[in-house]
N, C-alpha and C. Protein backbone atom coordinates (compact mmCIF):
# COMPACT_ATOMS: atom_id res chain seq x y z
N MET A 1 -9.48 -103.88 11.64
CA MET A 1 -9.65 -102.35 11.13
C MET A 1 -9.15 -101.86 12.40
N LYS A 2 -8.57 -100.52 12.37
CA LYS A 2 -8.21 -99.87 14.20
C LYS A 2 -9.69 -99.16 14.01
N VAL A 3 -10.23 -99.00 14.82
CA VAL A 3 -11.44 -98.20 15.08
C VAL A 3 -11.21 -97.50 16.45
N LEU A 4 -11.91 -95.98 16.25
CA LEU A 4 -11.14 -94.95 17.35
C LEU A 4 -12.82 -94.47 17.88
N LEU A 5 -12.81 -94.34 19.26
CA LEU A 5 -14.67 -94.79 19.89
C LEU A 5 -14.21 -92.91 20.41
N ASP A 6 -15.53 -92.45 19.90
CA ASP A 6 -15.01 -90.79 20.73
C ASP A 6 -15.80 -90.75 22.29
N GLU A 7 -14.80 -90.00 22.92
CA GLU A 7 -15.45 -89.97 24.39
C GLU A 7 -16.69 -90.30 24.53
N CYS A 8 -17.70 -89.65 23.72
CA CYS A 8 -19.18 -89.48 24.32
C CYS A 8 -19.70 -91.23 23.96
N VAL A 9 -18.85 -92.35 23.35
CA VAL A 9 -19.64 -93.41 23.10
C VAL A 9 -18.90 -94.16 24.07
N PRO A 10 -20.22 -95.26 24.71
CA PRO A 10 -19.45 -96.16 25.42
C PRO A 10 -18.12 -97.18 25.33
N LYS A 11 -17.10 -97.01 26.31
CA LYS A 11 -16.43 -98.38 25.85
C LYS A 11 -16.34 -99.65 25.61
N ARG A 12 -17.59 -100.17 26.51
CA ARG A 12 -18.12 -101.63 26.37
C ARG A 12 -18.93 -101.53 24.56
N LEU A 13 -19.23 -100.42 24.37
CA LEU A 13 -19.61 -100.97 22.40
C LEU A 13 -18.23 -101.23 21.67
N GLY A 14 -17.08 -101.07 22.24
CA GLY A 14 -15.92 -101.01 21.72
C GLY A 14 -15.48 -102.84 21.64
N ARG A 15 -15.98 -103.89 23.04
CA ARG A 15 -16.34 -104.77 23.14
C ARG A 15 -16.65 -105.59 22.18
N LEU A 16 -18.05 -105.15 21.32
CA LEU A 16 -19.09 -105.83 20.61
C LEU A 16 -18.02 -105.76 19.39
N LEU A 17 -17.21 -104.89 18.98
CA LEU A 17 -16.00 -105.10 17.56
C LEU A 17 -15.52 -105.86 18.04
N SER A 18 -15.38 -107.11 18.49
CA SER A 18 -14.14 -107.72 18.79
C SER A 18 -13.11 -108.10 17.61
N GLU A 19 -13.88 -107.95 16.02
CA GLU A 19 -12.73 -108.53 15.11
C GLU A 19 -12.35 -107.43 14.60
N HIS A 20 -12.46 -106.12 15.29
CA HIS A 20 -11.84 -105.17 15.36
C HIS A 20 -10.90 -104.35 15.98
N ASP A 21 -9.49 -103.76 16.26
CA ASP A 21 -8.79 -103.17 17.44
C ASP A 21 -9.45 -101.98 17.65
N VAL A 22 -10.36 -102.21 18.87
CA VAL A 22 -10.83 -100.89 19.24
C VAL A 22 -10.09 -100.20 20.78
N VAL A 23 -10.17 -98.08 20.41
CA VAL A 23 -9.60 -97.64 21.35
C VAL A 23 -10.28 -96.85 21.55
N THR A 24 -10.35 -95.96 23.05
CA THR A 24 -11.60 -95.37 23.00
C THR A 24 -10.27 -93.70 23.11
N THR A 25 -11.00 -92.85 22.64
CA THR A 25 -10.44 -91.99 22.53
C THR A 25 -9.82 -91.47 24.12
N PRO A 26 -10.17 -91.31 25.19
CA PRO A 26 -9.33 -91.12 26.74
C PRO A 26 -8.16 -92.16 26.65
N GLN A 27 -8.54 -93.80 26.10
CA GLN A 27 -7.77 -94.29 26.46
C GLN A 27 -6.28 -94.53 25.41
N ALA A 28 -6.72 -93.41 24.21
CA ALA A 28 -5.32 -93.04 23.37
C ALA A 28 -4.80 -92.03 24.24
N GLY A 29 -5.44 -91.05 24.94
CA GLY A 29 -4.89 -90.23 25.81
C GLY A 29 -5.04 -88.32 25.10
N TRP A 30 -6.36 -88.74 24.53
CA TRP A 30 -7.14 -87.96 23.66
C TRP A 30 -8.23 -86.80 24.47
N ALA A 31 -8.97 -87.06 25.34
CA ALA A 31 -9.88 -87.03 25.99
C ALA A 31 -10.13 -85.07 26.10
N GLY A 32 -10.93 -84.70 25.72
CA GLY A 32 -11.47 -83.21 25.68
C GLY A 32 -10.65 -82.25 24.27
N ILE A 33 -9.78 -83.03 23.57
CA ILE A 33 -9.17 -82.39 22.69
C ILE A 33 -10.27 -82.76 21.65
N THR A 34 -10.93 -81.09 20.88
CA THR A 34 -11.48 -80.69 19.96
C THR A 34 -11.26 -81.59 18.48
N ASN A 35 -13.10 -81.81 17.83
CA ASN A 35 -12.82 -82.36 17.06
C ASN A 35 -11.55 -82.33 16.40
N GLY A 36 -11.74 -81.52 15.51
CA GLY A 36 -11.08 -81.25 14.51
C GLY A 36 -9.12 -81.55 14.88
N GLU A 37 -8.65 -81.31 15.38
CA GLU A 37 -7.85 -82.09 16.15
C GLU A 37 -7.86 -83.39 16.07
N LEU A 38 -8.98 -84.04 16.75
CA LEU A 38 -8.91 -85.12 17.03
C LEU A 38 -9.09 -85.76 16.22
N LEU A 39 -9.56 -85.26 15.12
CA LEU A 39 -9.69 -86.19 13.89
C LEU A 39 -8.42 -86.07 13.40
N LYS A 40 -7.61 -85.03 12.60
CA LYS A 40 -5.83 -84.91 12.63
C LYS A 40 -5.39 -86.25 13.01
N ARG A 41 -5.40 -85.84 15.10
CA ARG A 41 -4.41 -87.38 15.16
C ARG A 41 -5.26 -88.83 14.83
N ALA A 42 -6.31 -88.77 14.92
CA ALA A 42 -6.60 -89.68 14.57
C ALA A 42 -6.02 -90.52 13.58
N ALA A 43 -6.19 -89.62 12.26
CA ALA A 43 -5.99 -89.98 11.17
C ALA A 43 -4.30 -90.82 11.00
N LYS A 44 -3.56 -90.57 12.07
CA LYS A 44 -2.47 -91.09 11.60
C LYS A 44 -2.56 -92.87 11.97
N ASP A 45 -3.11 -93.02 13.04
CA ASP A 45 -3.18 -93.75 13.63
C ASP A 45 -4.47 -94.98 13.45
N PHE A 46 -5.11 -94.52 13.43
CA PHE A 46 -6.42 -95.16 12.83
C PHE A 46 -7.36 -95.12 11.59
N ASP A 47 -8.02 -95.92 11.40
CA ASP A 47 -8.72 -96.35 9.81
C ASP A 47 -10.37 -95.74 9.57
N VAL A 48 -10.37 -95.34 11.17
CA VAL A 48 -12.18 -94.77 11.08
C VAL A 48 -12.70 -94.24 12.73
N PHE A 49 -13.24 -93.75 13.12
CA PHE A 49 -13.69 -92.65 13.97
C PHE A 49 -15.06 -92.44 13.52
N VAL A 50 -15.39 -93.32 15.01
CA VAL A 50 -17.37 -93.46 15.58
C VAL A 50 -17.69 -92.89 16.79
N THR A 51 -18.66 -92.10 16.00
CA THR A 51 -18.95 -91.35 17.11
C THR A 51 -20.87 -91.18 17.35
N VAL A 52 -21.18 -90.89 18.49
CA VAL A 52 -22.58 -90.02 18.24
C VAL A 52 -22.87 -88.58 18.55
N ASP A 53 -21.87 -87.96 17.79
CA ASP A 53 -21.88 -86.37 18.30
C ASP A 53 -22.25 -86.39 16.29
N ARG A 54 -23.45 -85.95 16.58
CA ARG A 54 -24.26 -85.63 14.95
C ARG A 54 -23.90 -84.18 14.40
N ASN A 55 -23.55 -83.55 15.80
CA ASN A 55 -22.97 -82.40 14.96
C ASN A 55 -21.78 -82.11 14.99
N LEU A 56 -20.72 -83.66 15.27
CA LEU A 56 -19.79 -83.92 14.04
C LEU A 56 -19.33 -83.12 12.33
N ALA A 57 -20.62 -84.06 11.72
CA ALA A 57 -20.52 -83.53 10.36
C ALA A 57 -21.11 -82.04 10.06
N PHE A 58 -21.61 -81.55 10.92
CA PHE A 58 -21.51 -80.00 10.39
C PHE A 58 -20.27 -79.08 10.49
N GLN A 59 -19.44 -79.86 11.79
CA GLN A 59 -18.59 -79.16 11.95
C GLN A 59 -17.45 -79.19 11.62
N GLN A 60 -17.27 -80.28 10.72
CA GLN A 60 -16.01 -80.19 10.11
C GLN A 60 -16.25 -80.61 8.46
N ASN A 61 -15.69 -79.95 7.74
CA ASN A 61 -15.59 -79.44 5.78
C ASN A 61 -15.53 -81.08 5.17
N PRO A 62 -16.81 -82.10 5.40
CA PRO A 62 -16.65 -83.42 4.74
C PRO A 62 -15.31 -83.71 3.51
N SER A 63 -15.40 -82.44 2.70
CA SER A 63 -14.16 -82.18 1.52
C SER A 63 -12.75 -82.96 2.24
N ASN A 64 -12.63 -82.17 3.36
CA ASN A 64 -11.45 -82.50 4.20
C ASN A 64 -11.17 -83.30 5.53
N LEU A 65 -12.17 -84.15 5.20
CA LEU A 65 -12.25 -85.37 6.62
C LEU A 65 -10.15 -86.15 6.44
N PRO A 66 -9.98 -85.99 7.41
CA PRO A 66 -8.95 -87.03 7.24
C PRO A 66 -8.47 -88.41 7.45
N LEU A 67 -9.82 -89.04 7.69
CA LEU A 67 -10.84 -90.23 7.41
C LEU A 67 -11.64 -91.12 7.94
N PRO A 68 -12.31 -91.76 7.63
CA PRO A 68 -13.88 -92.11 7.67
C PRO A 68 -14.68 -91.47 8.87
N VAL A 69 -15.69 -91.17 9.18
CA VAL A 69 -15.95 -91.09 10.53
C VAL A 69 -17.68 -91.46 10.26
N ILE A 70 -17.98 -92.61 11.01
CA ILE A 70 -19.03 -93.13 11.42
C ILE A 70 -19.90 -91.97 12.56
N VAL A 71 -21.37 -91.94 12.51
CA VAL A 71 -22.12 -91.16 12.90
C VAL A 71 -23.20 -92.42 13.43
N ILE A 72 -23.50 -92.64 14.71
CA ILE A 72 -24.70 -93.40 15.11
C ILE A 72 -25.83 -92.40 15.19
N HIS A 73 -27.40 -92.99 14.92
CA HIS A 73 -27.73 -91.69 15.48
C HIS A 73 -28.79 -92.95 16.64
N SER A 74 -28.78 -92.62 17.47
CA SER A 74 -29.59 -93.14 18.62
C SER A 74 -30.36 -92.29 19.54
N ARG A 75 -31.25 -92.79 20.32
CA ARG A 75 -32.34 -91.82 21.42
C ARG A 75 -30.97 -91.45 22.33
N SER A 76 -29.95 -92.24 22.84
CA SER A 76 -29.28 -91.64 23.61
C SER A 76 -27.88 -92.36 23.85
N ASN A 77 -26.61 -91.85 24.18
CA ASN A 77 -25.67 -92.59 23.97
C ASN A 77 -24.92 -93.75 25.32
N LYS A 78 -26.62 -94.45 25.38
CA LYS A 78 -26.22 -95.65 26.50
C LYS A 78 -25.65 -96.54 25.75
N LEU A 79 -25.33 -97.31 26.24
CA LEU A 79 -25.31 -99.09 25.30
C LEU A 79 -26.77 -99.84 25.40
N LYS A 80 -27.71 -99.83 25.65
CA LYS A 80 -28.41 -100.09 25.79
C LYS A 80 -29.22 -99.10 24.41
N ASP A 81 -29.33 -97.79 23.83
CA ASP A 81 -30.16 -97.59 22.71
C ASP A 81 -29.02 -97.80 21.96
N LEU A 82 -27.43 -98.01 22.02
CA LEU A 82 -27.00 -98.32 20.86
C LEU A 82 -26.76 -99.51 20.17
N LEU A 83 -26.93 -100.64 21.40
CA LEU A 83 -26.75 -102.29 20.88
C LEU A 83 -28.25 -102.24 19.20
N HIS A 84 -29.14 -101.32 19.33
CA HIS A 84 -29.85 -101.86 17.52
C HIS A 84 -29.21 -101.48 16.69
N GLN A 85 -28.05 -100.54 16.92
CA GLN A 85 -27.14 -100.20 15.44
C GLN A 85 -26.45 -101.08 15.24
N VAL A 86 -25.73 -101.93 16.25
CA VAL A 86 -25.10 -102.64 16.39
C VAL A 86 -24.31 -103.23 14.82
N PRO A 87 -25.38 -103.93 14.57
CA PRO A 87 -25.32 -105.14 13.25
C PRO A 87 -24.97 -103.44 12.11
N ALA A 88 -25.26 -102.71 11.87
CA ALA A 88 -25.16 -101.45 11.12
C ALA A 88 -24.00 -101.50 10.79
N LEU A 89 -23.81 -101.09 12.50
CA LEU A 89 -22.50 -100.06 12.35
C LEU A 89 -20.80 -101.78 11.92
N LYS A 90 -21.14 -102.84 12.39
CA LYS A 90 -20.15 -103.39 12.27
C LYS A 90 -20.48 -103.96 10.46
N GLN A 91 -21.66 -104.13 9.90
CA GLN A 91 -21.79 -104.08 8.21
C GLN A 91 -21.07 -102.83 7.48
N THR A 92 -20.89 -101.29 8.03
CA THR A 92 -20.64 -100.31 7.36
C THR A 92 -18.94 -100.45 7.70
N LEU A 93 -18.62 -101.21 8.58
CA LEU A 93 -16.80 -101.14 9.08
C LEU A 93 -16.68 -102.11 7.99
N SER A 94 -17.05 -103.08 7.35
CA SER A 94 -16.64 -104.46 6.84
C SER A 94 -16.38 -104.12 5.71
N SER A 95 -17.21 -102.87 5.02
CA SER A 95 -16.91 -102.46 3.33
C SER A 95 -15.68 -101.19 3.82
N MET A 96 -15.40 -101.15 2.52
CA MET A 96 -14.71 -100.05 2.35
C MET A 96 -15.22 -98.33 2.04
N LEU A 97 -14.28 -98.04 3.15
CA LEU A 97 -15.43 -96.63 3.44
C LEU A 97 -13.37 -95.40 3.19
N ALA A 98 -14.58 -94.51 2.46
CA ALA A 98 -13.95 -93.69 1.86
C ALA A 98 -14.18 -92.10 3.33
N ARG A 99 -13.39 -91.09 3.01
CA ARG A 99 -12.94 -90.27 3.98
C ARG A 99 -14.35 -88.69 3.37
N GLN A 100 -14.86 -90.14 4.70
CA GLN A 100 -16.57 -89.36 4.05
C GLN A 100 -17.03 -89.55 5.38
N VAL A 101 -18.71 -89.24 5.74
CA VAL A 101 -19.48 -89.11 7.06
C VAL A 101 -20.15 -89.85 6.92
N TYR A 102 -20.38 -91.15 7.80
CA TYR A 102 -21.81 -92.46 7.03
C TYR A 102 -22.47 -92.15 8.31
N HIS A 103 -23.67 -92.00 8.11
CA HIS A 103 -24.88 -92.56 9.47
C HIS A 103 -25.40 -93.75 9.31
N ILE A 104 -25.23 -93.73 10.68
CA ILE A 104 -26.17 -95.29 11.09
C ILE A 104 -27.25 -95.21 11.52
N GLY A 105 -28.48 -95.64 11.78
CA GLY A 105 -29.61 -95.49 12.03
C GLY A 105 -30.39 -94.12 11.92
N ALA A 106 -29.74 -92.96 11.05
CA ALA A 106 -30.21 -91.89 10.32
C ALA A 106 -32.39 -92.02 10.57
N LEU A 107 -33.00 -91.22 10.95
CA LEU A 107 -33.95 -91.00 11.09
C LEU A 107 -34.43 -90.31 9.58
N ARG A 108 -35.21 -90.64 8.40
CA ARG A 108 -35.55 -90.90 6.89
C ARG A 108 -36.66 -89.66 7.11
N LEU A 109 -36.50 -88.13 6.75
CA LEU A 109 -37.73 -87.76 7.02
C LEU A 109 -38.88 -88.26 5.31
N ILE A 110 -39.62 -88.22 5.52
CA ILE A 110 -40.98 -88.72 4.30
C ILE A 110 -41.58 -87.21 4.05
N ASP A 111 -41.44 -86.73 2.41
CA ASP A 111 -41.73 -85.67 2.22
C ASP A 111 -43.58 -85.91 1.35
N LEU A 112 -44.05 -85.38 2.37
CA LEU A 112 -46.02 -84.89 2.03
C LEU A 112 -46.37 -84.39 1.05
N SER A 113 -45.25 -83.74 1.01
CA SER A 113 -45.98 -82.70 -0.01
C SER A 113 -46.29 -83.17 -1.26
N SER A 114 -46.16 -84.34 -2.01
CA SER A 114 -46.65 -85.08 -3.83
C SER A 114 -47.58 -85.45 -3.25
N ASN A 115 -48.52 -86.19 -1.83
CA ASN A 115 -49.74 -86.48 -1.34
C ASN A 115 -51.10 -85.47 -1.77
């Protein structure tokens, strides 16, 4: 699978995904491009886009995504904090992905109003 890592994701994360063809946004020559344009360009050459930018899911219309997007939720975008999410990322990448936003490591809110 061809994976594009957003520029806010450390490129060393790509080394942990050795079973995939991983390229960073700067390596593709697309550093600084807005998310909408970046996703359009990525859809031509990549199978999935991986980011830690939680705002991306709100900035883009989920019904019009040109490729699947995986948002990793972590304390920071430092590799040491992202390492905990690598198994879930690998599992997600090994599944059939639709053109939607997938969240990894998102905290779930507990509804206490029913107690």
